[in-house]
């Protein structure tokens, strides 16, 4: 089970990086596809809000995966006496 947890940690780190890259690529593509004017300003505002919300979530995924890959979750406490 611990090997699965460590593999899962690498998976979460990989997913976090891929998600951020794909979101940035999609934002660049959508913003460059809009015409000049108000619609471009709306697209920039929309994607800046999306990125400012989801990048910290992906950072949390990466941190969780880092700790899982280091083995920090190998032994979880079973009762409050173990803490």
PDB file of N, CA and C in Angstrom:
ATOM      1  N   UNK A   1       0.818  -1.191   0.000  1.00  0.00           N
ATOM      2  CA  UNK A   1       0.000   0.000   0.000  1.00  0.00           C
ATOM      3  C   UNK A   1       0.867   1.261   0.000  1.00  0.00           C
ATOM      4  N   UNK A   2       2.005   1.198   0.693  1.00  0.00           N
ATOM      5  CA  UNK A   2       2.885   2.367   0.730  1.00  0.00           C
ATOM      6  C   UNK A   2       3.474   2.673  -0.642  1.00  0.00           C
ATOM      7  N   UNK A   3       3.719   1.629  -1.433  1.00  0.00           N
ATOM      8  CA  UNK A   3       4.232   1.862  -2.782  1.00  0.00           C
ATOM      9  C   UNK A   3       3.183   2.553  -3.638  1.00  0.00           C
ATOM     10  N   UNK A   4       1.929   2.186  -3.430  1.00  0.00           N
ATOM     11  CA  UNK A   4       0.842   2.832  -4.166  1.00  0.00           C
ATOM     12  C   UNK A   4       0.737   4.301  -3.760  1.00  0.00           C
ATOM     13  N   UNK A   5       0.900   4.589  -2.481  1.00  0.00           N
ATOM     14  CA  UNK A   5       0.852   5.975  -2.005  1.00  0.00           C
ATOM     15  C   UNK A   5       1.993   6.791  -2.616  1.00  0.00           C
ATOM     16  N   UNK A   6       3.178   6.204  -2.673  1.00  0.00           N
ATOM     17  CA  UNK A   6       4.316   6.932  -3.264  1.00  0.00           C
ATOM     18  C   UNK A   6       4.123   7.151  -4.760  1.00  0.00           C
ATOM     19  N   UNK A   7       3.631   6.125  -5.452  1.00  0.00           N
ATOM     20  CA  UNK A   7       3.343   6.282  -6.877  1.00  0.00           C
ATOM     21  C   UNK A   7       2.259   7.338  -7.080  1.00  0.00           C
ATOM     22  N   UNK A   8       1.255   7.333  -6.223  1.00  0.00           N
ATOM     23  CA  UNK A   8       0.206   8.353  -6.276  1.00  0.00           C
ATOM     24  C   UNK A   8       0.761   9.752  -6.078  1.00  0.00           C
ATOM     25  N   UNK A   9       1.778   9.876  -5.238  1.00  0.00           N
ATOM     26  CA  UNK A   9       2.419  11.176  -5.036  1.00  0.00           C
ATOM     27  C   UNK A   9       3.059  11.695  -6.307  1.00  0.00           C
ATOM     28  N   UNK A  10       3.759  10.829  -7.001  1.00  0.00           N
ATOM     29  CA  UNK A  10       4.354  11.241  -8.275  1.00  0.00           C
ATOM     30  C   UNK A  10       3.275  11.587  -9.296  1.00  0.00           C
ATOM     31  N   UNK A  11       2.181  10.826  -9.251  1.00  0.00           N
ATOM     32  CA  UNK A  11       1.064  11.098 -10.149  1.00  0.00           C
ATOM     33  C   UNK A  11       0.472  12.478  -9.885  1.00  0.00           C
ATOM     34  N   UNK A  12       0.258  12.837  -8.613  1.00  0.00           N
ATOM     35  CA  UNK A  12      -0.305  14.151  -8.280  1.00  0.00           C
ATOM     36  C   UNK A  12       0.642  15.281  -8.686  1.00  0.00           C
ATOM     37  N   UNK A  13       1.947  15.085  -8.499  1.00  0.00           N
ATOM     38  CA  UNK A  13       2.894  16.130  -8.906  1.00  0.00           C
ATOM     39  C   UNK A  13       2.867  16.308 -10.415  1.00  0.00           C
ATOM     40  N   UNK A  14       2.838  15.209 -11.148  1.00  0.00           N
ATOM     41  CA  UNK A  14       2.792  15.279 -12.602  1.00  0.00           C
ATOM     42  C   UNK A  14       1.507  15.948 -13.071  1.00  0.00           C
ATOM     43  N   UNK A  15       0.383  15.561 -12.485  1.00  0.00           N
ATOM     44  CA  UNK A  15      -0.908  16.140 -12.873  1.00  0.00           C
ATOM     45  C   UNK A  15      -0.951  17.637 -12.597  1.00  0.00           C
ATOM     46  N   UNK A  16      -0.400  18.067 -11.471  1.00  0.00           N
ATOM     47  CA  UNK A  16      -0.415  19.490 -11.137  1.00  0.00           C
ATOM     48  C   UNK A  16       0.335  20.301 -12.186  1.00  0.00           C
ATOM     49  N   UNK A  17       1.490  19.825 -12.585  1.00  0.00           N
ATOM     50  CA  UNK A  17       2.283  20.544 -13.586  1.00  0.00           C
ATOM     51  C   UNK A  17       1.563  20.564 -14.927  1.00  0.00           C
ATOM     52  N   UNK A  18       1.012  19.426 -15.326  1.00  0.00           N
ATOM     53  CA  UNK A  18       0.316  19.336 -16.617  1.00  0.00           C
ATOM     54  C   UNK A  18      -0.910  20.245 -16.634  1.00  0.00           C
ATOM     55  N   UNK A  19      -1.663  20.280 -15.549  1.00  0.00           N
ATOM     56  CA  UNK A  19      -2.864  21.112 -15.490  1.00  0.00           C
ATOM     57  C   UNK A  19      -2.517  22.585 -15.627  1.00  0.00           C
ATOM     58  N   UNK A  20      -1.471  23.041 -14.935  1.00  0.00           N
ATOM     59  CA  UNK A  20      -1.078  24.454 -15.022  1.00  0.00           C
ATOM     60  C   UNK A  20      -0.629  24.795 -16.434  1.00  0.00           C
ATOM     61  N   UNK A  21       0.156  23.922 -17.037  1.00  0.00           N
ATOM     62  CA  UNK A  21       0.635  24.184 -18.400  1.00  0.00           C
ATOM     63  C   UNK A  21      -0.530  24.218 -19.386  1.00  0.00           C
ATOM     64  N   UNK A  22      -1.450  23.271 -19.268  1.00  0.00           N
ATOM     65  CA  UNK A  22      -2.588  23.244 -20.182  1.00  0.00           C
ATOM     66  C   UNK A  22      -3.512  24.448 -19.988  1.00  0.00           C
ATOM     67  N   UNK A  23      -3.709  24.871 -18.746  1.00  0.00           N
ATOM     68  CA  UNK A  23      -4.542  26.055 -18.524  1.00  0.00           C
ATOM     69  C   UNK A  23      -3.892  27.311 -19.094  1.00  0.00           C
ATOM     70  N   UNK A  24      -2.592  27.456 -18.910  1.00  0.00           N
ATOM     71  CA  UNK A  24      -1.901  28.626 -19.455  1.00  0.00           C
ATOM     72  C   UNK A  24      -1.944  28.608 -20.979  1.00  0.00           C
ATOM     73  N   UNK A  25      -1.761  27.442 -21.568  1.00  0.00           N
ATOM     74  CA  UNK A  25      -1.825  27.320 -23.025  1.00  0.00           C
ATOM     75  C   UNK A  25      -3.225  27.653 -23.539  1.00  0.00           C
ATOM     76  N   UNK A  26      -4.241  27.150 -22.866  1.00  0.00           N
ATOM     77  CA  UNK A  26      -5.619  27.415 -23.267  1.00  0.00           C
ATOM     78  C   UNK A  26      -5.950  28.899 -23.115  1.00  0.00           C
ATOM     79  N   UNK A  27      -5.479  29.509 -22.038  1.00  0.00           N
ATOM     80  CA  UNK A  27      -5.731  30.940 -21.830  1.00  0.00           C
ATOM     81  C   UNK A  27      -5.090  31.761 -22.947  1.00  0.00           C
ATOM     82  N   UNK A  28      -3.850  31.433 -23.283  1.00  0.00           N
ATOM     83  CA  UNK A  28      -3.163  32.167 -24.356  1.00  0.00           C
ATOM     84  C   UNK A  28      -3.892  32.000 -25.687  1.00  0.00           C
ATOM     85  N   UNK A  29      -4.346  30.785 -25.931  1.00  0.00           N
ATOM     86  CA  UNK A  29      -5.049  30.523 -27.187  1.00  0.00           C
ATOM     87  C   UNK A  29      -6.381  31.268 -27.256  1.00  0.00           C
ATOM     88  N   UNK A  30      -7.147  31.251 -26.185  1.00  0.00           N
ATOM     89  CA  UNK A  30      -8.459  31.906 -26.183  1.00  0.00           C
ATOM     90  C   UNK A  30      -8.335  33.426 -26.229  1.00  0.00           C
ATOM     91  N   UNK A  31      -7.353  33.975 -25.528  1.00  0.00           N
ATOM     92  CA  UNK A  31      -7.173  35.429 -25.523  1.00  0.00           C
ATOM     93  C   UNK A  31      -6.704  35.915 -26.891  1.00  0.00           C
ATOM     94  N   UNK A  32      -5.797  35.170 -27.520  1.00  0.00           N
ATOM     95  CA  UNK A  32      -5.300  35.604 -28.835  1.00  0.00           C
ATOM     96  C   UNK A  32      -6.356  35.424 -29.925  1.00  0.00           C
ATOM     97  N   UNK A  33      -7.349  34.567 -29.705  1.00  0.00           N
ATOM     98  CA  UNK A  33      -8.387  34.342 -30.710  1.00  0.00           C
ATOM     99  C   UNK A  33      -9.482  35.408 -30.681  1.00  0.00           C
ATOM    100  N   UNK A  34      -9.580  36.165 -29.598  1.00  0.00           N
ATOM    101  CA  UNK A  34     -10.628  37.187 -29.510  1.00  0.00           C
ATOM    102  C   UNK A  34     -10.205  38.438 -30.262  1.00  0.00           C
ATOM    103  N   UNK A  35     -11.184  39.181 -30.705  1.00  0.00           N
ATOM    104  CA  UNK A  35     -10.934  40.435 -31.418  1.00  0.00           C
ATOM    105  C   UNK A  35     -10.529  41.530 -30.431  1.00  0.00           C
ATOM    106  N   UNK A  36     -10.062  42.614 -30.973  1.00  0.00           N
ATOM    107  CA  UNK A  36      -9.702  43.758 -30.137  1.00  0.00           C
ATOM    108  C   UNK A  36     -10.961  44.371 -29.529  1.00  0.00           C
ATOM    109  N   UNK A  37     -10.793  45.039 -28.415  1.00  0.00           N
ATOM    110  CA  UNK A  37     -11.916  45.754 -27.816  1.00  0.00           C
ATOM    111  C   UNK A  37     -12.381  45.133 -26.522  1.00  0.00           C
ATOM    112  N   UNK A  38     -13.677  45.274 -26.287  1.00  0.00           N
ATOM    113  CA  UNK A  38     -14.257  44.847 -25.020  1.00  0.00           C
ATOM    114  C   UNK A  38     -14.212  43.329 -24.864  1.00  0.00           C
ATOM    115  N   UNK A  39     -14.423  42.587 -25.943  1.00  0.00           N
ATOM    116  CA  UNK A  39     -14.412  41.130 -25.827  1.00  0.00           C
ATOM    117  C   UNK A  39     -13.025  40.616 -25.438  1.00  0.00           C
ATOM    118  N   UNK A  40     -11.978  41.280 -25.912  1.00  0.00           N
ATOM    119  CA  UNK A  40     -10.612  40.881 -25.529  1.00  0.00           C
ATOM    120  C   UNK A  40     -10.365  41.193 -24.060  1.00  0.00           C
ATOM    121  N   UNK A  41     -10.842  42.350 -23.608  1.00  0.00           N
ATOM    122  CA  UNK A  41     -10.690  42.707 -22.201  1.00  0.00           C
ATOM    123  C   UNK A  41     -11.443  41.722 -21.314  1.00  0.00           C
ATOM    124  N   UNK A  42     -12.640  41.315 -21.744  1.00  0.00           N
ATOM    125  CA  UNK A  42     -13.407  40.335 -20.981  1.00  0.00           C
ATOM    126  C   UNK A  42     -12.697  38.985 -20.933  1.00  0.00           C
ATOM    127  N   UNK A  43     -12.095  38.588 -22.039  1.00  0.00           N
ATOM    128  CA  UNK A  43     -11.377  37.307 -22.066  1.00  0.00           C
ATOM    129  C   UNK A  43     -10.170  37.350 -21.147  1.00  0.00           C
ATOM    130  N   UNK A  44      -9.450  38.453 -21.140  1.00  0.00           N
ATOM    131  CA  UNK A  44      -8.291  38.583 -20.256  1.00  0.00           C
ATOM    132  C   UNK A  44      -8.728  38.539 -18.802  1.00  0.00           C
ATOM    133  N   UNK A  45      -9.787  39.259 -18.468  1.00  0.00           N
ATOM    134  CA  UNK A  45     -10.294  39.261 -17.097  1.00  0.00           C
ATOM    135  C   UNK A  45     -10.766  37.868 -16.692  1.00  0.00           C
ATOM    136  N   UNK A  46     -11.491  37.215 -17.570  1.00  0.00           N
ATOM    137  CA  UNK A  46     -12.013  35.881 -17.280  1.00  0.00           C
ATOM    138  C   UNK A  46     -10.883  34.887 -17.019  1.00  0.00           C
ATOM    139  N   UNK A  47      -9.893  34.873 -17.872  1.00  0.00           N
ATOM    140  CA  UNK A  47      -8.801  33.918 -17.704  1.00  0.00           C
ATOM    141  C   UNK A  47      -7.887  34.274 -16.542  1.00  0.00           C
ATOM    142  N   UNK A  48      -7.748  35.547 -16.215  1.00  0.00           N
ATOM    143  CA  UNK A  48      -6.942  35.897 -15.039  1.00  0.00           C
ATOM    144  C   UNK A  48      -7.623  35.416 -13.765  1.00  0.00           C
ATOM    145  N   UNK A  49      -8.948  35.469 -13.720  1.00  0.00           N
ATOM    146  CA  UNK A  49      -9.677  34.950 -12.562  1.00  0.00           C
ATOM    147  C   UNK A  49      -9.552  33.429 -12.495  1.00  0.00           C
ATOM    148  N   UNK A  50      -9.713  32.765 -13.611  1.00  0.00           N
ATOM    149  CA  UNK A  50      -9.602  31.300 -13.642  1.00  0.00           C
ATOM    150  C   UNK A  50      -8.216  30.861 -13.189  1.00  0.00           C
ATOM    151  N   UNK A  51      -7.191  31.492 -13.725  1.00  0.00           N
ATOM    152  CA  UNK A  51      -5.826  31.104 -13.359  1.00  0.00           C
ATOM    153  C   UNK A  51      -5.503  31.425 -11.904  1.00  0.00           C
ATOM    154  N   UNK A  52      -6.010  32.562 -11.407  1.00  0.00           N
ATOM    155  CA  UNK A  52      -5.714  32.916 -10.008  1.00  0.00           C
ATOM    156  C   UNK A  52      -6.416  31.988  -9.025  1.00  0.00           C
ATOM    157  N   UNK A  53      -7.461  31.308  -9.434  1.00  0.00           N
ATOM    158  CA  UNK A  53      -8.128  30.347  -8.560  1.00  0.00           C
ATOM    159  C   UNK A  53      -7.476  28.966  -8.658  1.00  0.00           C
ATOM    160  N   UNK A  54      -7.189  28.510  -9.870  1.00  0.00           N
ATOM    161  CA  UNK A  54      -6.754  27.131 -10.041  1.00  0.00           C
ATOM    162  C   UNK A  54      -5.255  26.906  -9.876  1.00  0.00           C
ATOM    163  N   UNK A  55      -4.424  27.913 -10.031  1.00  0.00           N
ATOM    164  CA  UNK A  55      -2.987  27.711  -9.820  1.00  0.00           C
ATOM    165  C   UNK A  55      -2.678  27.401  -8.353  1.00  0.00           C
ATOM    166  N   UNK A  56      -3.260  28.100  -7.357  1.00  0.00           N
ATOM    167  CA  UNK A  56      -3.010  27.683  -5.966  1.00  0.00           C
ATOM    168  C   UNK A  56      -3.530  26.277  -5.648  1.00  0.00           C
ATOM    169  N   UNK A  57      -4.638  25.882  -6.271  1.00  0.00           N
ATOM    170  CA  UNK A  57      -5.136  24.517  -6.066  1.00  0.00           C
ATOM    171  C   UNK A  57      -4.119  23.512  -6.598  1.00  0.00           C
ATOM    172  N   UNK A  58      -3.550  23.783  -7.756  1.00  0.00           N
ATOM    173  CA  UNK A  58      -2.540  22.892  -8.326  1.00  0.00           C
ATOM    174  C   UNK A  58      -1.258  22.891  -7.494  1.00  0.00           C
ATOM    175  N   UNK A  59      -0.927  24.020  -6.886  1.00  0.00           N
ATOM    176  CA  UNK A  59       0.225  24.042  -5.975  1.00  0.00           C
ATOM    177  C   UNK A  59      -0.033  23.133  -4.778  1.00  0.00           C
ATOM    178  N   UNK A  60      -1.262  23.125  -4.280  1.00  0.00           N
ATOM    179  CA  UNK A  60      -1.624  22.217  -3.195  1.00  0.00           C
ATOM    180  C   UNK A  60      -1.522  20.763  -3.620  1.00  0.00           C
ATOM    181  N   UNK A  61      -1.960  20.451  -4.855  1.00  0.00           N
ATOM    182  CA  UNK A  61      -1.802  19.096  -5.385  1.00  0.00           C
ATOM    183  C   UNK A  61      -0.324  18.705  -5.419  1.00  0.00           C
ATOM    184  N   UNK A  62       0.519  19.635  -5.861  1.00  0.00           N
ATOM    185  CA  UNK A  62       1.945  19.346  -5.969  1.00  0.00           C
ATOM    186  C   UNK A  62       2.558  19.105  -4.593  1.00  0.00           C
ATOM    187  N   UNK A  63       2.210  19.927  -3.626  1.00  0.00           N
ATOM    188  CA  UNK A  63       2.741  19.761  -2.263  1.00  0.00           C
ATOM    189  C   UNK A  63       2.269  18.431  -1.674  1.00  0.00           C
ATOM    190  N   UNK A  64       0.994  18.100  -1.854  1.00  0.00           N
ATOM    191  CA  UNK A  64       0.481  16.823  -1.381  1.00  0.00           C
ATOM    192  C   UNK A  64       1.241  15.664  -2.029  1.00  0.00           C
ATOM    193  N   UNK A  65       1.460  15.739  -3.333  1.00  0.00           N
ATOM    194  CA  UNK A  65       2.201  14.693  -4.027  1.00  0.00           C
ATOM    195  C   UNK A  65       3.644  14.601  -3.574  1.00  0.00           C
ATOM    196  N   UNK A  66       4.249  15.736  -3.274  1.00  0.00           N
ATOM    197  CA  UNK A  66       5.639  15.744  -2.792  1.00  0.00           C
ATOM    198  C   UNK A  66       5.748  14.998  -1.469  1.00  0.00           C
ATOM    199  N   UNK A  67       4.850  15.302  -0.550  1.00  0.00           N
ATOM    200  CA  UNK A  67       4.891  14.621   0.743  1.00  0.00           C
ATOM    201  C   UNK A  67       4.541  13.141   0.609  1.00  0.00           C
ATOM    202  N   UNK A  68       3.619  12.808  -0.267  1.00  0.00           N
ATOM    203  CA  UNK A  68       3.274  11.405  -0.477  1.00  0.00           C
ATOM    204  C   UNK A  68       4.444  10.640  -1.086  1.00  0.00           C
ATOM    205  N   UNK A  69       5.176  11.262  -2.007  1.00  0.00           N
ATOM    206  CA  UNK A  69       6.315  10.582  -2.627  1.00  0.00           C
ATOM    207  C   UNK A  69       7.488  10.430  -1.669  1.00  0.00           C
ATOM    208  N   UNK A  70       7.574  11.280  -0.665  1.00  0.00           N
ATOM    209  CA  UNK A  70       8.629  11.160   0.346  1.00  0.00           C
ATOM    210  C   UNK A  70       8.294  10.130   1.421  1.00  0.00           C
ATOM    211  N   UNK A  71       7.049   9.674   1.467  1.00  0.00           N
ATOM    212  CA  UNK A  71       6.670   8.659   2.441  1.00  0.00           C
ATOM    213  C   UNK A  71       6.128   9.225   3.736  1.00  0.00           C
ATOM    214  N   UNK A  72       5.686  10.463   3.720  1.00  0.00           N
ATOM    215  CA  UNK A  72       5.156  11.082   4.934  1.00  0.00           C
ATOM    216  C   UNK A  72       3.826  10.471   5.363  1.00  0.00           C
ATOM    217  N   UNK A  73       3.133   9.815   4.450  1.00  0.00           N
ATOM    218  CA  UNK A  73       1.836   9.232   4.760  1.00  0.00           C
ATOM    219  C   UNK A  73       1.918   7.713   4.909  1.00  0.00           C
ATOM    220  N   UNK A  74       3.121   7.173   5.124  1.00  0.00           N
ATOM    221  CA  UNK A  74       3.259   5.725   5.256  1.00  0.00           C
ATOM    222  C   UNK A  74       2.570   5.193   6.507  1.00  0.00           C
ATOM    223  N   UNK A  75       2.706   5.901   7.605  1.00  0.00           N
ATOM    224  CA  UNK A  75       2.049   5.466   8.838  1.00  0.00           C
ATOM    225  C   UNK A  75       1.127   6.583   9.301  1.00  0.00           C
ATOM    226  N   UNK A  76      -0.152   6.353   9.199  1.00  0.00           N
ATOM    227  CA  UNK A  76      -1.128   7.328   9.650  1.00  0.00           C
ATOM    228  C   UNK A  76      -1.607   6.947  11.045  1.00  0.00           C
ATOM    229  N   UNK A  77      -1.855   7.922  11.920  1.00  0.00           N
ATOM    230  CA  UNK A  77      -2.309   7.597  13.264  1.00  0.00           C
ATOM    231  C   UNK A  77      -3.703   6.952  13.240  1.00  0.00           C
ATOM    232  N   UNK A  78      -3.864   5.945  14.085  1.00  0.00           N
ATOM    233  CA  UNK A  78      -5.142   5.247  14.150  1.00  0.00           C
ATOM    234  C   UNK A  78      -6.042   5.768  15.274  1.00  0.00           C
ATOM    235  N   UNK A  79      -5.444   6.426  16.232  1.00  0.00           N
ATOM    236  CA  UNK A  79      -6.234   7.020  17.321  1.00  0.00           C
ATOM    237  C   UNK A  79      -5.558   8.312  17.749  1.00  0.00           C
ATOM    238  N   UNK A  80      -6.212   9.044  18.620  1.00  0.00           N
ATOM    239  CA  UNK A  80      -5.641  10.309  19.081  1.00  0.00           C
ATOM    240  C   UNK A  80      -4.436  10.084  19.997  1.00  0.00           C
ATOM    241  N   UNK A  81      -4.272   8.877  20.540  1.00  0.00           N
ATOM    242  CA  UNK A  81      -3.110   8.576  21.371  1.00  0.00           C
ATOM    243  C   UNK A  81      -1.834   8.475  20.542  1.00  0.00           C
ATOM    244  N   UNK A  82      -1.976   8.141  19.253  1.00  0.00           N
ATOM    245  CA  UNK A  82      -0.807   8.036  18.370  1.00  0.00           C
ATOM    246  C   UNK A  82      -0.235   9.390  18.002  1.00  0.00           C
ATOM    247  N   UNK A  83      -1.012  10.427  18.152  1.00  0.00           N
ATOM    248  CA  UNK A  83      -0.560  11.775  17.788  1.00  0.00           C
ATOM    249  C   UNK A  83       0.282  12.277  18.898  1.00  0.00           C
TER     250      UNK A  83
END
